[in-house]
């Protein structure tokens, strides 16, 4: 699986289907998180989004573009409501290692 395919599958299963345990397939246990709102490690990511999905059961991300260079993938995406309206825009940047997400940075642009 290419790095882009890993990212695309991860977004579908984890963020859109809300299968939190799918992170075990796609994210390293020692995942480095540069977003100050989420703690370090795969388990912290799973916990943070399990709570988010309870609070926001219609949470959904649409990938608009991915750019890959070496072990890095940048993802431009939109968080959309059930009607398809953009709630915010995000750029996620990942470093992958051994076919799994190893490190994450992000930039958010709220629309509301």
PDB file of N, CA and C in Angstrom:
ATOM      1  N   UNK A   1       0.846  -1.179   0.000  1.00  0.00           N
ATOM      2  CA  UNK A   1       0.000   0.000   0.000  1.00  0.00           C
ATOM      3  C   UNK A   1       0.892   1.243   0.000  1.00  0.00           C
ATOM      4  N   UNK A   2       0.582   2.207  -0.851  1.00  0.00           N
ATOM      5  CA  UNK A   2       1.352   3.460  -0.879  1.00  0.00           C
ATOM      6  C   UNK A   2       0.998   4.300   0.349  1.00  0.00           C
ATOM      7  N   UNK A   3       1.834   5.298   0.621  1.00  0.00           N
ATOM      8  CA  UNK A   3       1.552   6.194   1.743  1.00  0.00           C
ATOM      9  C   UNK A   3       0.212   6.907   1.562  1.00  0.00           C
ATOM     10  N   UNK A   4      -0.093   7.316   0.335  1.00  0.00           N
ATOM     11  CA  UNK A   4      -1.382   7.966   0.079  1.00  0.00           C
ATOM     12  C   UNK A   4      -2.540   7.007   0.344  1.00  0.00           C
ATOM     13  N   UNK A   5      -2.385   5.758  -0.035  1.00  0.00           N
ATOM     14  CA  UNK A   5      -3.448   4.770   0.221  1.00  0.00           C
ATOM     15  C   UNK A   5      -3.640   4.543   1.712  1.00  0.00           C
ATOM     16  N   UNK A   6      -2.536   4.520   2.462  1.00  0.00           N
ATOM     17  CA  UNK A   6      -2.631   4.396   3.919  1.00  0.00           C
ATOM     18  C   UNK A   6      -3.455   5.545   4.475  1.00  0.00           C
ATOM     19  N   UNK A   7      -3.119   6.760   4.055  1.00  0.00           N
ATOM     20  CA  UNK A   7      -3.833   7.952   4.534  1.00  0.00           C
ATOM     21  C   UNK A   7      -5.309   7.893   4.137  1.00  0.00           C
ATOM     22  N   UNK A   8      -5.578   7.605   2.887  1.00  0.00           N
ATOM     23  CA  UNK A   8      -6.965   7.568   2.407  1.00  0.00           C
ATOM     24  C   UNK A   8      -7.794   6.525   3.191  1.00  0.00           C
ATOM     25  N   UNK A   9      -7.239   5.336   3.387  1.00  0.00           N
ATOM     26  CA  UNK A   9      -7.947   4.288   4.139  1.00  0.00           C
ATOM     27  C   UNK A   9      -8.139   4.685   5.593  1.00  0.00           C
ATOM     28  N   UNK A  10      -7.104   5.288   6.181  1.00  0.00           N
ATOM     29  CA  UNK A  10      -7.199   5.749   7.563  1.00  0.00           C
ATOM     30  C   UNK A  10      -8.320   6.785   7.715  1.00  0.00           C
ATOM     31  N   UNK A  11      -8.355   7.763   6.824  1.00  0.00           N
ATOM     32  CA  UNK A  11      -9.396   8.794   6.920  1.00  0.00           C
ATOM     33  C   UNK A  11     -10.793   8.183   6.789  1.00  0.00           C
ATOM     34  N   UNK A  12     -10.963   7.263   5.858  1.00  0.00           N
ATOM     35  CA  UNK A  12     -12.280   6.654   5.675  1.00  0.00           C
ATOM     36  C   UNK A  12     -12.705   5.877   6.921  1.00  0.00           C
ATOM     37  N   UNK A  13     -11.848   4.990   7.370  1.00  0.00           N
ATOM     38  CA  UNK A  13     -12.223   4.117   8.485  1.00  0.00           C
ATOM     39  C   UNK A  13     -12.276   4.871   9.816  1.00  0.00           C
ATOM     40  N   UNK A  14     -11.242   5.647  10.105  1.00  0.00           N
ATOM     41  CA  UNK A  14     -11.147   6.301  11.410  1.00  0.00           C
ATOM     42  C   UNK A  14     -12.045   7.531  11.497  1.00  0.00           C
ATOM     43  N   UNK A  15     -11.849   8.489  10.613  1.00  0.00           N
ATOM     44  CA  UNK A  15     -12.567   9.762  10.716  1.00  0.00           C
ATOM     45  C   UNK A  15     -13.995   9.712  10.181  1.00  0.00           C
ATOM     46  N   UNK A  16     -14.252   8.966   9.123  1.00  0.00           N
ATOM     47  CA  UNK A  16     -15.573   9.003   8.516  1.00  0.00           C
ATOM     48  C   UNK A  16     -16.477   7.854   8.961  1.00  0.00           C
ATOM     49  N   UNK A  17     -15.911   6.656   9.127  1.00  0.00           N
ATOM     50  CA  UNK A  17     -16.716   5.542   9.627  1.00  0.00           C
ATOM     51  C   UNK A  17     -16.703   5.481  11.146  1.00  0.00           C
ATOM     52  N   UNK A  18     -15.851   6.291  11.773  1.00  0.00           N
ATOM     53  CA  UNK A  18     -15.726   6.387  13.234  1.00  0.00           C
ATOM     54  C   UNK A  18     -15.319   5.055  13.868  1.00  0.00           C
ATOM     55  N   UNK A  19     -14.499   4.288  13.178  1.00  0.00           N
ATOM     56  CA  UNK A  19     -13.968   3.033  13.715  1.00  0.00           C
ATOM     57  C   UNK A  19     -12.644   3.376  14.395  1.00  0.00           C
ATOM     58  N   UNK A  20     -12.729   3.746  15.655  1.00  0.00           N
ATOM     59  CA  UNK A  20     -11.572   4.242  16.386  1.00  0.00           C
ATOM     60  C   UNK A  20     -10.455   3.196  16.444  1.00  0.00           C
ATOM     61  N   UNK A  21     -10.807   1.933  16.600  1.00  0.00           N
ATOM     62  CA  UNK A  21      -9.789   0.885  16.688  1.00  0.00           C
ATOM     63  C   UNK A  21      -9.049   0.660  15.367  1.00  0.00           C
ATOM     64  N   UNK A  22      -9.533   1.240  14.271  1.00  0.00           N
ATOM     65  CA  UNK A  22      -8.794   1.116  13.012  1.00  0.00           C
ATOM     66  C   UNK A  22      -7.439   1.817  13.105  1.00  0.00           C
ATOM     67  N   UNK A  23      -7.278   2.716  14.058  1.00  0.00           N
ATOM     68  CA  UNK A  23      -5.981   3.366  14.260  1.00  0.00           C
ATOM     69  C   UNK A  23      -4.885   2.336  14.524  1.00  0.00           C
ATOM     70  N   UNK A  24      -5.252   1.200  15.094  1.00  0.00           N
ATOM     71  CA  UNK A  24      -4.256   0.156  15.364  1.00  0.00           C
ATOM     72  C   UNK A  24      -3.587  -0.315  14.076  1.00  0.00           C
ATOM     73  N   UNK A  25      -4.303  -0.277  12.956  1.00  0.00           N
ATOM     74  CA  UNK A  25      -3.755  -0.695  11.657  1.00  0.00           C
ATOM     75  C   UNK A  25      -2.882   0.366  11.019  1.00  0.00           C
ATOM     76  N   UNK A  26      -3.190   1.642  11.270  1.00  0.00           N
ATOM     77  CA  UNK A  26      -2.607   2.738  10.503  1.00  0.00           C
ATOM     78  C   UNK A  26      -1.671   3.663  11.277  1.00  0.00           C
ATOM     79  N   UNK A  27      -1.677   3.601  12.584  1.00  0.00           N
ATOM     80  CA  UNK A  27      -0.940   4.568  13.402  1.00  0.00           C
ATOM     81  C   UNK A  27       0.032   3.820  14.316  1.00  0.00           C
ATOM     82  N   UNK A  28       1.266   4.297  14.344  1.00  0.00           N
ATOM     83  CA  UNK A  28       2.265   3.693  15.227  1.00  0.00           C
ATOM     84  C   UNK A  28       1.893   3.941  16.694  1.00  0.00           C
ATOM     85  N   UNK A  29       2.259   3.021  17.532  1.00  0.00           N
ATOM     86  CA  UNK A  29       1.970   3.160  18.964  1.00  0.00           C
ATOM     87  C   UNK A  29       2.638   4.406  19.543  1.00  0.00           C
ATOM     88  N   UNK A  30       3.848   4.734  19.050  1.00  0.00           N
ATOM     89  CA  UNK A  30       4.603   5.882  19.550  1.00  0.00           C
ATOM     90  C   UNK A  30       4.378   7.147  18.708  1.00  0.00           C
ATOM     91  N   UNK A  31       3.199   7.258  18.111  1.00  0.00           N
ATOM     92  CA  UNK A  31       2.774   8.389  17.270  1.00  0.00           C
ATOM     93  C   UNK A  31       3.113   9.717  17.938  1.00  0.00           C
ATOM     94  N   UNK A  32       3.790  10.596  17.194  1.00  0.00           N
ATOM     95  CA  UNK A  32       4.163  11.919  17.690  1.00  0.00           C
ATOM     96  C   UNK A  32       3.131  12.923  17.198  1.00  0.00           C
ATOM     97  N   UNK A  33       2.524  13.627  18.136  1.00  0.00           N
ATOM     98  CA  UNK A  33       1.431  14.556  17.850  1.00  0.00           C
ATOM     99  C   UNK A  33       1.899  15.983  18.111  1.00  0.00           C
ATOM    100  N   UNK A  34       1.830  16.837  17.087  1.00  0.00           N
ATOM    101  CA  UNK A  34       2.228  18.238  17.249  1.00  0.00           C
ATOM    102  C   UNK A  34       1.033  19.165  17.463  1.00  0.00           C
ATOM    103  N   UNK A  35      -0.180  18.625  17.486  1.00  0.00           N
ATOM    104  CA  UNK A  35      -1.366  19.409  17.810  1.00  0.00           C
ATOM    105  C   UNK A  35      -1.477  19.430  19.338  1.00  0.00           C
ATOM    106  N   UNK A  36      -1.436  20.615  19.961  1.00  0.00           N
ATOM    107  CA  UNK A  36      -1.448  20.674  21.427  1.00  0.00           C
ATOM    108  C   UNK A  36      -2.766  20.209  22.055  1.00  0.00           C
ATOM    109  N   UNK A  37      -3.803  20.028  21.241  1.00  0.00           N
ATOM    110  CA  UNK A  37      -5.093  19.586  21.766  1.00  0.00           C
ATOM    111  C   UNK A  37      -5.227  18.086  21.909  1.00  0.00           C
ATOM    112  N   UNK A  38      -4.224  17.332  21.449  1.00  0.00           N
ATOM    113  CA  UNK A  38      -4.256  15.869  21.518  1.00  0.00           C
ATOM    114  C   UNK A  38      -2.933  15.404  22.106  1.00  0.00           C
ATOM    115  N   UNK A  39      -3.005  14.505  23.080  1.00  0.00           N
ATOM    116  CA  UNK A  39      -1.789  13.992  23.714  1.00  0.00           C
ATOM    117  C   UNK A  39      -1.010  13.079  22.775  1.00  0.00           C
ATOM    118  N   UNK A  40       0.162  12.687  23.205  1.00  0.00           N
ATOM    119  CA  UNK A  40       1.072  11.847  22.426  1.00  0.00           C
ATOM    120  C   UNK A  40       0.618  10.396  22.398  1.00  0.00           C
ATOM    121  N   UNK A  41       0.910   9.721  21.290  1.00  0.00           N
ATOM    122  CA  UNK A  41       0.683   8.291  21.186  1.00  0.00           C
ATOM    123  C   UNK A  41      -0.643   7.926  20.536  1.00  0.00           C
ATOM    124  N   UNK A  42      -0.678   6.691  20.019  1.00  0.00           N
ATOM    125  CA  UNK A  42      -1.872   6.182  19.328  1.00  0.00           C
ATOM    126  C   UNK A  42      -3.080   6.116  20.254  1.00  0.00           C
ATOM    127  N   UNK A  43      -2.899   5.669  21.485  1.00  0.00           N
ATOM    128  CA  UNK A  43      -4.040   5.538  22.398  1.00  0.00           C
ATOM    129  C   UNK A  43      -4.669   6.888  22.711  1.00  0.00           C
ATOM    130  N   UNK A  44      -3.846   7.929  22.838  1.00  0.00           N
ATOM    131  CA  UNK A  44      -4.369   9.273  23.089  1.00  0.00           C
ATOM    132  C   UNK A  44      -5.186   9.766  21.897  1.00  0.00           C
ATOM    133  N   UNK A  45      -4.721   9.467  20.675  1.00  0.00           N
ATOM    134  CA  UNK A  45      -5.471   9.833  19.469  1.00  0.00           C
ATOM    135  C   UNK A  45      -6.828   9.135  19.469  1.00  0.00           C
ATOM    136  N   UNK A  46      -6.829   7.849  19.762  1.00  0.00           N
ATOM    137  CA  UNK A  46      -8.075   7.087  19.783  1.00  0.00           C
ATOM    138  C   UNK A  46      -9.039   7.639  20.827  1.00  0.00           C
ATOM    139  N   UNK A  47      -8.521   7.938  22.003  1.00  0.00           N
ATOM    140  CA  UNK A  47      -9.373   8.461  23.080  1.00  0.00           C
ATOM    141  C   UNK A  47      -9.958   9.821  22.712  1.00  0.00           C
ATOM    142  N   UNK A  48      -9.126  10.704  22.169  1.00  0.00           N
ATOM    143  CA  UNK A  48      -9.587  12.055  21.817  1.00  0.00           C
ATOM    144  C   UNK A  48     -10.706  12.005  20.784  1.00  0.00           C
ATOM    145  N   UNK A  49     -10.551  11.146  19.785  1.00  0.00           N
ATOM    146  CA  UNK A  49     -11.563  11.110  18.735  1.00  0.00           C
ATOM    147  C   UNK A  49     -12.768  10.262  19.108  1.00  0.00           C
ATOM    148  N   UNK A  50     -12.613   9.294  19.984  1.00  0.00           N
ATOM    149  CA  UNK A  50     -13.787   8.567  20.479  1.00  0.00           C
ATOM    150  C   UNK A  50     -14.730   9.549  21.152  1.00  0.00           C
ATOM    151  N   UNK A  51     -14.166  10.459  21.933  1.00  0.00           N
ATOM    152  CA  UNK A  51     -14.966  11.484  22.608  1.00  0.00           C
ATOM    153  C   UNK A  51     -15.561  12.456  21.590  1.00  0.00           C
ATOM    154  N   UNK A  52     -14.769  12.858  20.605  1.00  0.00           N
ATOM    155  CA  UNK A  52     -15.255  13.793  19.582  1.00  0.00           C
ATOM    156  C   UNK A  52     -16.414  13.190  18.795  1.00  0.00           C
ATOM    157  N   UNK A  53     -16.321  11.909  18.446  1.00  0.00           N
ATOM    158  CA  UNK A  53     -17.366  11.260  17.669  1.00  0.00           C
ATOM    159  C   UNK A  53     -18.663  11.117  18.470  1.00  0.00           C
ATOM    160  N   UNK A  54     -18.554  11.012  19.781  1.00  0.00           N
ATOM    161  CA  UNK A  54     -19.759  10.987  20.628  1.00  0.00           C
ATOM    162  C   UNK A  54     -20.406  12.370  20.616  1.00  0.00           C
ATOM    163  N   UNK A  55     -19.585  13.406  20.748  1.00  0.00           N
ATOM    164  CA  UNK A  55     -20.097  14.782  20.766  1.00  0.00           C
ATOM    165  C   UNK A  55     -20.577  15.235  19.390  1.00  0.00           C
ATOM    166  N   UNK A  56     -19.959  14.712  18.332  1.00  0.00           N
ATOM    167  CA  UNK A  56     -20.274  15.116  16.958  1.00  0.00           C
ATOM    168  C   UNK A  56     -20.469  13.863  16.094  1.00  0.00           C
ATOM    169  N   UNK A  57     -21.614  13.212  16.218  1.00  0.00           N
ATOM    170  CA  UNK A  57     -21.818  11.931  15.527  1.00  0.00           C
ATOM    171  C   UNK A  57     -21.848  12.034  13.998  1.00  0.00           C
ATOM    172  N   UNK A  58     -21.979  13.225  13.445  1.00  0.00           N
ATOM    173  CA  UNK A  58     -21.980  13.377  11.984  1.00  0.00           C
ATOM    174  C   UNK A  58     -20.629  13.872  11.460  1.00  0.00           C
ATOM    175  N   UNK A  59     -19.598  13.864  12.323  1.00  0.00           N
ATOM    176  CA  UNK A  59     -18.266  14.336  11.928  1.00  0.00           C
ATOM    177  C   UNK A  59     -17.809  13.604  10.672  1.00  0.00           C
ATOM    178  N   UNK A  60     -17.361  14.380   9.665  1.00  0.00           N
ATOM    179  CA  UNK A  60     -16.955  13.797   8.387  1.00  0.00           C
ATOM    180  C   UNK A  60     -15.905  14.687   7.729  1.00  0.00           C
ATOM    181  N   UNK A  61     -14.898  14.065   7.132  1.00  0.00           N
ATOM    182  CA  UNK A  61     -13.848  14.792   6.431  1.00  0.00           C
ATOM    183  C   UNK A  61     -13.808  14.373   4.971  1.00  0.00           C
ATOM    184  N   UNK A  62     -13.758  15.352   4.080  1.00  0.00           N
ATOM    185  CA  UNK A  62     -13.596  15.096   2.645  1.00  0.00           C
ATOM    186  C   UNK A  62     -12.189  15.495   2.237  1.00  0.00           C
ATOM    187  N   UNK A  63     -11.441  14.553   1.700  1.00  0.00           N
ATOM    188  CA  UNK A  63     -10.100  14.856   1.207  1.00  0.00           C
ATOM    189  C   UNK A  63     -10.229  15.539  -0.145  1.00  0.00           C
ATOM    190  N   UNK A  64      -9.619  16.716  -0.275  1.00  0.00           N
ATOM    191  CA  UNK A  64      -9.614  17.448  -1.540  1.00  0.00           C
ATOM    192  C   UNK A  64      -8.337  17.205  -2.329  1.00  0.00           C
ATOM    193  N   UNK A  65      -7.215  17.009  -1.604  1.00  0.00           N
ATOM    194  CA  UNK A  65      -5.935  16.884  -2.287  1.00  0.00           C
ATOM    195  C   UNK A  65      -4.922  16.234  -1.348  1.00  0.00           C
ATOM    196  N   UNK A  66      -4.010  15.455  -1.923  1.00  0.00           N
ATOM    197  CA  UNK A  66      -2.886  14.908  -1.169  1.00  0.00           C
ATOM    198  C   UNK A  66      -1.610  15.133  -1.972  1.00  0.00           C
ATOM    199  N   UNK A  67      -0.557  15.494  -1.277  1.00  0.00           N
ATOM    200  CA  UNK A  67       0.749  15.692  -1.888  1.00  0.00           C
ATOM    201  C   UNK A  67       1.741  14.834  -1.120  1.00  0.00           C
ATOM    202  N   UNK A  68       2.503  14.034  -1.852  1.00  0.00           N
ATOM    203  CA  UNK A  68       3.440  13.113  -1.217  1.00  0.00           C
ATOM    204  C   UNK A  68       4.864  13.422  -1.666  1.00  0.00           C
ATOM    205  N   UNK A  69       5.763  13.416  -0.698  1.00  0.00           N
ATOM    206  CA  UNK A  69       7.190  13.536  -0.989  1.00  0.00           C
ATOM    207  C   UNK A  69       7.939  12.680   0.022  1.00  0.00           C
ATOM    208  N   UNK A  70       8.657  11.693  -0.479  1.00  0.00           N
ATOM    209  CA  UNK A  70       9.397  10.756   0.364  1.00  0.00           C
ATOM    210  C   UNK A  70       8.455  10.135   1.404  1.00  0.00           C
ATOM    211  N   UNK A  71       8.760  10.314   2.692  1.00  0.00           N
ATOM    212  CA  UNK A  71       7.936   9.707   3.735  1.00  0.00           C
ATOM    213  C   UNK A  71       6.881  10.663   4.295  1.00  0.00           C
ATOM    214  N   UNK A  72       6.671  11.793   3.603  1.00  0.00           N
ATOM    215  CA  UNK A  72       5.728  12.813   4.071  1.00  0.00           C
ATOM    216  C   UNK A  72       4.520  12.893   3.133  1.00  0.00           C
ATOM    217  N   UNK A  73       3.336  13.086   3.732  1.00  0.00           N
ATOM    218  CA  UNK A  73       2.113  13.296   2.959  1.00  0.00           C
ATOM    219  C   UNK A  73       1.374  14.483   3.567  1.00  0.00           C
ATOM    220  N   UNK A  74       1.022  15.457   2.724  1.00  0.00           N
ATOM    221  CA  UNK A  74       0.187  16.585   3.126  1.00  0.00           C
ATOM    222  C   UNK A  74      -1.214  16.338   2.577  1.00  0.00           C
ATOM    223  N   UNK A  75      -2.212  16.569   3.431  1.00  0.00           N
ATOM    224  CA  UNK A  75      -3.605  16.326   3.063  1.00  0.00           C
ATOM    225  C   UNK A  75      -4.388  17.619   3.262  1.00  0.00           C
ATOM    226  N   UNK A  76      -5.018  18.097   2.181  1.00  0.00           N
ATOM    227  CA  UNK A  76      -5.922  19.241   2.290  1.00  0.00           C
ATOM    228  C   UNK A  76      -7.333  18.671   2.319  1.00  0.00           C
ATOM    229  N   UNK A  77      -8.089  19.034   3.339  1.00  0.00           N
ATOM    230  CA  UNK A  77      -9.420  18.448   3.502  1.00  0.00           C
ATOM    231  C   UNK A  77     -10.391  19.457   4.083  1.00  0.00           C
ATOM    232  N   UNK A  78     -11.648  19.068   4.019  1.00  0.00           N
ATOM    233  CA  UNK A  78     -12.719  19.893   4.574  1.00  0.00           C
ATOM    234  C   UNK A  78     -13.556  19.049   5.524  1.00  0.00           C
ATOM    235  N   UNK A  79     -13.845  19.627   6.667  1.00  0.00           N
ATOM    236  CA  UNK A  79     -14.821  19.048   7.585  1.00  0.00           C
ATOM    237  C   UNK A  79     -16.181  19.546   7.124  1.00  0.00           C
ATOM    238  N   UNK A  80     -17.067  18.613   6.768  1.00  0.00           N
ATOM    239  CA  UNK A  80     -18.363  18.989   6.214  1.00  0.00           C
ATOM    240  C   UNK A  80     -19.505  18.474   7.081  1.00  0.00           C
ATOM    241  N   UNK A  81     -20.614  19.210   7.053  1.00  0.00           N
ATOM    242  CA  UNK A  81     -21.819  18.771   7.760  1.00  0.00           C
ATOM    243  C   UNK A  81     -22.594  17.798   6.871  1.00  0.00           C
ATOM    244  N   UNK A  82     -23.668  17.196   7.386  1.00  0.00           N
ATOM    245  CA  UNK A  82     -24.417  16.212   6.592  1.00  0.00           C
ATOM    246  C   UNK A  82     -24.972  16.759   5.271  1.00  0.00           C
ATOM    247  N   UNK A  83     -25.143  18.073   5.169  1.00  0.00           N
ATOM    248  CA  UNK A  83     -25.635  18.673   3.924  1.00  0.00           C
ATOM    249  C   UNK A  83     -24.497  18.992   2.961  1.00  0.00           C
ATOM    250  N   UNK A  84     -23.245  18.739   3.368  1.00  0.00           N
ATOM    251  CA  UNK A  84     -22.097  19.000   2.510  1.00  0.00           C
ATOM    252  C   UNK A  84     -21.501  20.384   2.661  1.00  0.00           C
ATOM    253  N   UNK A  85     -22.013  21.164   3.610  1.00  0.00           N
ATOM    254  CA  UNK A  85     -21.476  22.505   3.846  1.00  0.00           C
ATOM    255  C   UNK A  85     -20.146  22.413   4.594  1.00  0.00           C
ATOM    256  N   UNK A  86     -19.185  23.208   4.185  1.00  0.00           N
ATOM    257  CA  UNK A  86     -17.869  23.202   4.813  1.00  0.00           C
ATOM    258  C   UNK A  86     -17.940  23.867   6.178  1.00  0.00           C
ATOM    259  N   UNK A  87     -17.474  23.143   7.206  1.00  0.00           N
ATOM    260  CA  UNK A  87     -17.430  23.680   8.569  1.00  0.00           C
ATOM    261  C   UNK A  87     -16.052  24.254   8.871  1.00  0.00           C
ATOM    262  N   UNK A  88     -15.004  23.619   8.350  1.00  0.00           N
ATOM    263  CA  UNK A  88     -13.648  24.163   8.453  1.00  0.00           C
ATOM    264  C   UNK A  88     -12.762  23.475   7.426  1.00  0.00           C
ATOM    265  N   UNK A  89     -11.631  24.096   7.168  1.00  0.00           N
ATOM    266  CA  UNK A  89     -10.639  23.549   6.241  1.00  0.00           C
ATOM    267  C   UNK A  89      -9.404  23.187   7.048  1.00  0.00           C
ATOM    268  N   UNK A  90      -8.736  22.118   6.640  1.00  0.00           N
ATOM    269  CA  UNK A  90      -7.595  21.612   7.397  1.00  0.00           C
ATOM    270  C   UNK A  90      -6.501  21.177   6.430  1.00  0.00           C
ATOM    271  N   UNK A  91      -5.270  21.416   6.833  1.00  0.00           N
ATOM    272  CA  UNK A  91      -4.127  20.780   6.193  1.00  0.00           C
ATOM    273  C   UNK A  91      -3.460  19.925   7.259  1.00  0.00           C
ATOM    274  N   UNK A  92      -3.450  18.624   7.031  1.00  0.00           N
ATOM    275  CA  UNK A  92      -2.736  17.686   7.897  1.00  0.00           C
ATOM    276  C   UNK A  92      -1.462  17.283   7.180  1.00  0.00           C
ATOM    277  N   UNK A  93      -0.382  17.203   7.928  1.00  0.00           N
ATOM    278  CA  UNK A  93       0.892  16.735   7.382  1.00  0.00           C
ATOM    279  C   UNK A  93       1.329  15.550   8.227  1.00  0.00           C
ATOM    280  N   UNK A  94       1.656  14.459   7.552  1.00  0.00           N
ATOM    281  CA  UNK A  94       2.068  13.235   8.240  1.00  0.00           C
ATOM    282  C   UNK A  94       3.444  12.797   7.763  1.00  0.00           C
ATOM    283  N   UNK A  95       4.195  12.235   8.703  1.00  0.00           N
ATOM    284  CA  UNK A  95       5.386  11.462   8.373  1.00  0.00           C
ATOM    285  C   UNK A  95       5.020  10.007   8.613  1.00  0.00           C
ATOM    286  N   UNK A  96       5.289   9.176   7.619  1.00  0.00           N
ATOM    287  CA  UNK A  96       4.990   7.754   7.745  1.00  0.00           C
ATOM    288  C   UNK A  96       6.280   6.969   7.933  1.00  0.00           C
ATOM    289  N   UNK A  97       6.183   5.905   8.689  1.00  0.00           N
ATOM    290  CA  UNK A  97       7.314   5.026   8.941  1.00  0.00           C
ATOM    291  C   UNK A  97       6.813   3.596   8.920  1.00  0.00           C
ATOM    292  N   UNK A  98       7.430   2.764   8.111  1.00  0.00           N
ATOM    293  CA  UNK A  98       7.035   1.353   8.008  1.00  0.00           C
ATOM    294  C   UNK A  98       5.548   1.187   7.695  1.00  0.00           C
ATOM    295  N   UNK A  99       5.008   2.084   6.838  1.00  0.00           N
ATOM    296  CA  UNK A  99       3.627   1.972   6.400  1.00  0.00           C
ATOM    297  C   UNK A  99       2.589   2.448   7.396  1.00  0.00           C
ATOM    298  N   UNK A 100       3.026   3.137   8.452  1.00  0.00           N
ATOM    299  CA  UNK A 100       2.084   3.662   9.454  1.00  0.00           C
ATOM    300  C   UNK A 100       2.374   5.125   9.741  1.00  0.00           C
ATOM    301  N   UNK A 101       1.341   5.824  10.195  1.00  0.00           N
ATOM    302  CA  UNK A 101       1.492   7.225  10.565  1.00  0.00           C
ATOM    303  C   UNK A 101       2.380   7.306  11.801  1.00  0.00           C
ATOM    304  N   UNK A 102       3.465   8.104  11.691  1.00  0.00           N
ATOM    305  CA  UNK A 102       4.431   8.210  12.773  1.00  0.00           C
ATOM    306  C   UNK A 102       4.415   9.581  13.443  1.00  0.00           C
ATOM    307  N   UNK A 103       4.027  10.611  12.669  1.00  0.00           N
ATOM    308  CA  UNK A 103       4.090  11.971  13.194  1.00  0.00           C
ATOM    309  C   UNK A 103       3.069  12.832  12.461  1.00  0.00           C
ATOM    310  N   UNK A 104       2.502  13.831  13.178  1.00  0.00           N
ATOM    311  CA  UNK A 104       1.411  14.637  12.621  1.00  0.00           C
ATOM    312  C   UNK A 104       1.536  16.106  13.007  1.00  0.00           C
ATOM    313  N   UNK A 105       1.302  16.967  12.014  1.00  0.00           N
ATOM    314  CA  UNK A 105       1.160  18.413  12.207  1.00  0.00           C
ATOM    315  C   UNK A 105      -0.142  18.827  11.533  1.00  0.00           C
ATOM    316  N   UNK A 106      -0.742  19.948  11.966  1.00  0.00           N
ATOM    317  CA  UNK A 106      -1.936  20.421  11.262  1.00  0.00           C
ATOM    318  C   UNK A 106      -2.100  21.918  11.357  1.00  0.00           C
ATOM    319  N   UNK A 107      -2.871  22.440  10.407  1.00  0.00           N
ATOM    320  CA  UNK A 107      -3.262  23.845  10.369  1.00  0.00           C
ATOM    321  C   UNK A 107      -4.751  23.861  10.084  1.00  0.00           C
ATOM    322  N   UNK A 108      -5.533  24.597  10.893  1.00  0.00           N
ATOM    323  CA  UNK A 108      -6.974  24.655  10.724  1.00  0.00           C
ATOM    324  C   UNK A 108      -7.427  26.054  10.366  1.00  0.00           C
ATOM    325  N   UNK A 109      -8.432  26.117   9.483  1.00  0.00           N
ATOM    326  CA  UNK A 109      -9.041  27.383   9.107  1.00  0.00           C
ATOM    327  C   UNK A 109     -10.537  27.250   9.325  1.00  0.00           C
ATOM    328  N   UNK A 110     -11.039  27.740  10.469  1.00  0.00           N
ATOM    329  CA  UNK A 110     -12.487  27.635  10.712  1.00  0.00           C
ATOM    330  C   UNK A 110     -13.290  28.426   9.699  1.00  0.00           C
ATOM    331  N   UNK A 111     -14.480  27.947   9.373  1.00  0.00           N
ATOM    332  CA  UNK A 111     -15.365  28.634   8.440  1.00  0.00           C
ATOM    333  C   UNK A 111     -16.538  29.284   9.150  1.00  0.00           C
ATOM    334  N   UNK A 112     -16.776  28.885  10.366  1.00  0.00           N
ATOM    335  CA  UNK A 112     -17.947  29.411  11.097  1.00  0.00           C
ATOM    336  C   UNK A 112     -17.556  30.546  12.001  1.00  0.00           C
TER     337      UNK A 112
END
